[in-house]
N, C-alpha and C. Protein backbone atom coordinates (compact mmCIF):
# COMPACT_ATOMS: atom_id res chain seq x y z
N UNK A 1 0.83 -1.21 0.00
CA UNK A 1 0.00 0.00 0.00
C UNK A 1 0.86 1.26 0.00
N UNK A 2 2.13 1.12 0.43
CA UNK A 2 2.99 2.30 0.58
C UNK A 2 3.99 2.39 -0.56
N UNK A 3 3.58 2.05 -1.77
CA UNK A 3 4.49 2.17 -2.91
C UNK A 3 4.64 3.65 -3.28
N UNK A 4 5.88 4.11 -3.52
CA UNK A 4 6.09 5.53 -3.81
C UNK A 4 5.53 5.93 -5.19
N UNK A 5 5.81 5.11 -6.22
CA UNK A 5 5.36 5.44 -7.57
C UNK A 5 4.85 4.19 -8.25
N UNK A 6 3.55 4.01 -8.37
CA UNK A 6 3.04 2.88 -9.16
C UNK A 6 3.36 3.07 -10.63
N UNK A 7 3.48 1.98 -11.40
CA UNK A 7 3.84 2.11 -12.82
C UNK A 7 2.76 2.83 -13.63
N UNK A 8 1.52 2.82 -13.18
CA UNK A 8 0.45 3.44 -13.96
C UNK A 8 0.59 4.96 -13.97
N UNK A 9 1.14 5.55 -12.92
CA UNK A 9 1.22 7.00 -12.85
C UNK A 9 2.14 7.55 -13.95
N UNK A 10 3.11 6.76 -14.38
CA UNK A 10 4.02 7.22 -15.43
C UNK A 10 3.27 7.39 -16.75
N UNK A 11 2.30 6.51 -17.00
CA UNK A 11 1.53 6.64 -18.23
C UNK A 11 0.29 7.49 -18.02
N UNK A 12 -0.05 7.77 -16.76
CA UNK A 12 -1.26 8.55 -16.47
C UNK A 12 -0.96 10.04 -16.44
N UNK A 13 0.25 10.42 -16.04
CA UNK A 13 0.55 11.84 -15.91
C UNK A 13 0.53 12.59 -17.26
N UNK A 14 1.04 12.02 -18.36
CA UNK A 14 0.90 12.75 -19.64
C UNK A 14 -0.56 12.90 -20.04
N UNK A 15 -1.38 11.90 -19.74
CA UNK A 15 -2.80 11.99 -20.09
C UNK A 15 -3.46 13.10 -19.29
N UNK A 16 -3.14 13.17 -18.00
CA UNK A 16 -3.69 14.25 -17.16
C UNK A 16 -3.20 15.60 -17.66
N UNK A 17 -1.93 15.66 -18.08
CA UNK A 17 -1.37 16.92 -18.58
C UNK A 17 -2.11 17.38 -19.82
N UNK A 18 -2.39 16.44 -20.73
CA UNK A 18 -3.11 16.78 -21.96
C UNK A 18 -4.54 17.20 -21.63
N UNK A 19 -5.16 16.51 -20.66
CA UNK A 19 -6.52 16.87 -20.28
C UNK A 19 -6.56 18.27 -19.68
N UNK A 20 -5.56 18.60 -18.87
CA UNK A 20 -5.51 19.94 -18.28
C UNK A 20 -5.30 20.99 -19.37
N UNK A 21 -4.47 20.67 -20.35
CA UNK A 21 -4.24 21.62 -21.45
C UNK A 21 -5.52 21.84 -22.24
N UNK A 22 -6.24 20.75 -22.53
CA UNK A 22 -7.49 20.87 -23.28
C UNK A 22 -8.52 21.66 -22.48
N UNK A 23 -8.57 21.39 -21.16
CA UNK A 23 -9.52 22.11 -20.32
C UNK A 23 -9.18 23.60 -20.28
N UNK A 24 -7.89 23.92 -20.16
CA UNK A 24 -7.48 25.33 -20.11
C UNK A 24 -7.77 26.01 -21.46
N UNK A 25 -7.55 25.29 -22.55
CA UNK A 25 -7.84 25.87 -23.87
C UNK A 25 -9.33 26.12 -24.04
N UNK A 26 -10.15 25.19 -23.55
CA UNK A 26 -11.59 25.37 -23.65
C UNK A 26 -12.06 26.54 -22.82
N UNK A 27 -11.55 26.66 -21.61
CA UNK A 27 -11.96 27.76 -20.73
C UNK A 27 -11.51 29.09 -21.32
N UNK A 28 -10.28 29.13 -21.83
CA UNK A 28 -9.79 30.40 -22.39
C UNK A 28 -10.57 30.79 -23.63
N UNK A 29 -10.94 29.80 -24.46
CA UNK A 29 -11.72 30.12 -25.66
C UNK A 29 -13.12 30.58 -25.28
N UNK A 30 -13.70 29.96 -24.23
CA UNK A 30 -15.04 30.36 -23.79
C UNK A 30 -15.00 31.79 -23.24
N UNK A 31 -13.92 32.13 -22.52
CA UNK A 31 -13.81 33.48 -21.97
C UNK A 31 -13.33 34.48 -23.01
N UNK A 32 -12.78 33.97 -24.13
CA UNK A 32 -12.18 34.86 -25.12
C UNK A 32 -13.26 35.59 -25.92
N UNK A 33 -14.34 34.88 -26.28
CA UNK A 33 -15.35 35.50 -27.14
C UNK A 33 -16.12 36.63 -26.44
N UNK A 34 -16.57 36.47 -25.18
CA UNK A 34 -17.22 37.61 -24.53
C UNK A 34 -16.26 38.78 -24.33
N UNK A 35 -14.99 38.50 -24.07
CA UNK A 35 -14.03 39.58 -23.89
C UNK A 35 -13.85 40.34 -25.21
N UNK A 36 -13.79 39.64 -26.33
CA UNK A 36 -13.63 40.30 -27.61
C UNK A 36 -14.88 41.11 -27.96
N UNK A 37 -16.06 40.58 -27.65
CA UNK A 37 -17.28 41.33 -27.94
C UNK A 37 -17.36 42.58 -27.07
N UNK A 38 -16.90 42.44 -25.81
CA UNK A 38 -16.90 43.60 -24.92
C UNK A 38 -15.90 44.64 -25.41
N UNK A 39 -14.72 44.18 -25.86
CA UNK A 39 -13.74 45.12 -26.40
C UNK A 39 -14.28 45.80 -27.65
N UNK A 40 -15.02 45.04 -28.47
CA UNK A 40 -15.61 45.62 -29.67
C UNK A 40 -16.61 46.71 -29.32
N UNK A 41 -17.40 46.48 -28.25
CA UNK A 41 -18.37 47.51 -27.83
C UNK A 41 -17.67 48.74 -27.32
N UNK A 42 -16.57 48.53 -26.54
CA UNK A 42 -15.84 49.68 -25.99
C UNK A 42 -15.19 50.47 -27.13
N UNK A 43 -14.61 49.77 -28.09
CA UNK A 43 -14.00 50.46 -29.23
C UNK A 43 -15.06 51.20 -30.04
N UNK A 44 -16.23 50.57 -30.19
CA UNK A 44 -17.31 51.23 -30.92
C UNK A 44 -17.78 52.48 -30.20
N UNK A 45 -17.84 52.42 -28.86
CA UNK A 45 -18.24 53.60 -28.10
C UNK A 45 -17.21 54.72 -28.25
N UNK A 46 -15.93 54.34 -28.20
CA UNK A 46 -14.89 55.37 -28.33
C UNK A 46 -14.92 55.97 -29.74
N UNK A 47 -15.20 55.13 -30.74
CA UNK A 47 -15.25 55.67 -32.11
C UNK A 47 -16.48 56.56 -32.27
N UNK A 48 -17.59 56.20 -31.61
CA UNK A 48 -18.81 57.00 -31.74
C UNK A 48 -18.64 58.35 -31.05
N UNK A 49 -17.97 58.35 -29.89
CA UNK A 49 -17.79 59.61 -29.16
C UNK A 49 -16.66 60.44 -29.77
N UNK A 50 -15.62 59.76 -30.25
CA UNK A 50 -14.47 60.48 -30.78
C UNK A 50 -14.50 60.52 -32.27
């Protein structure tokens, strides 16, 4: 029960790393579109006023 490193963790850590990368990419893309639309509104307001 007290094994320091089971052999499965060596093949599991790259999979977890890829899953974390995919999750981060999904979250950033989901947050990217509202941010771009908000920036577009702010730029449109500045162009309308200026």
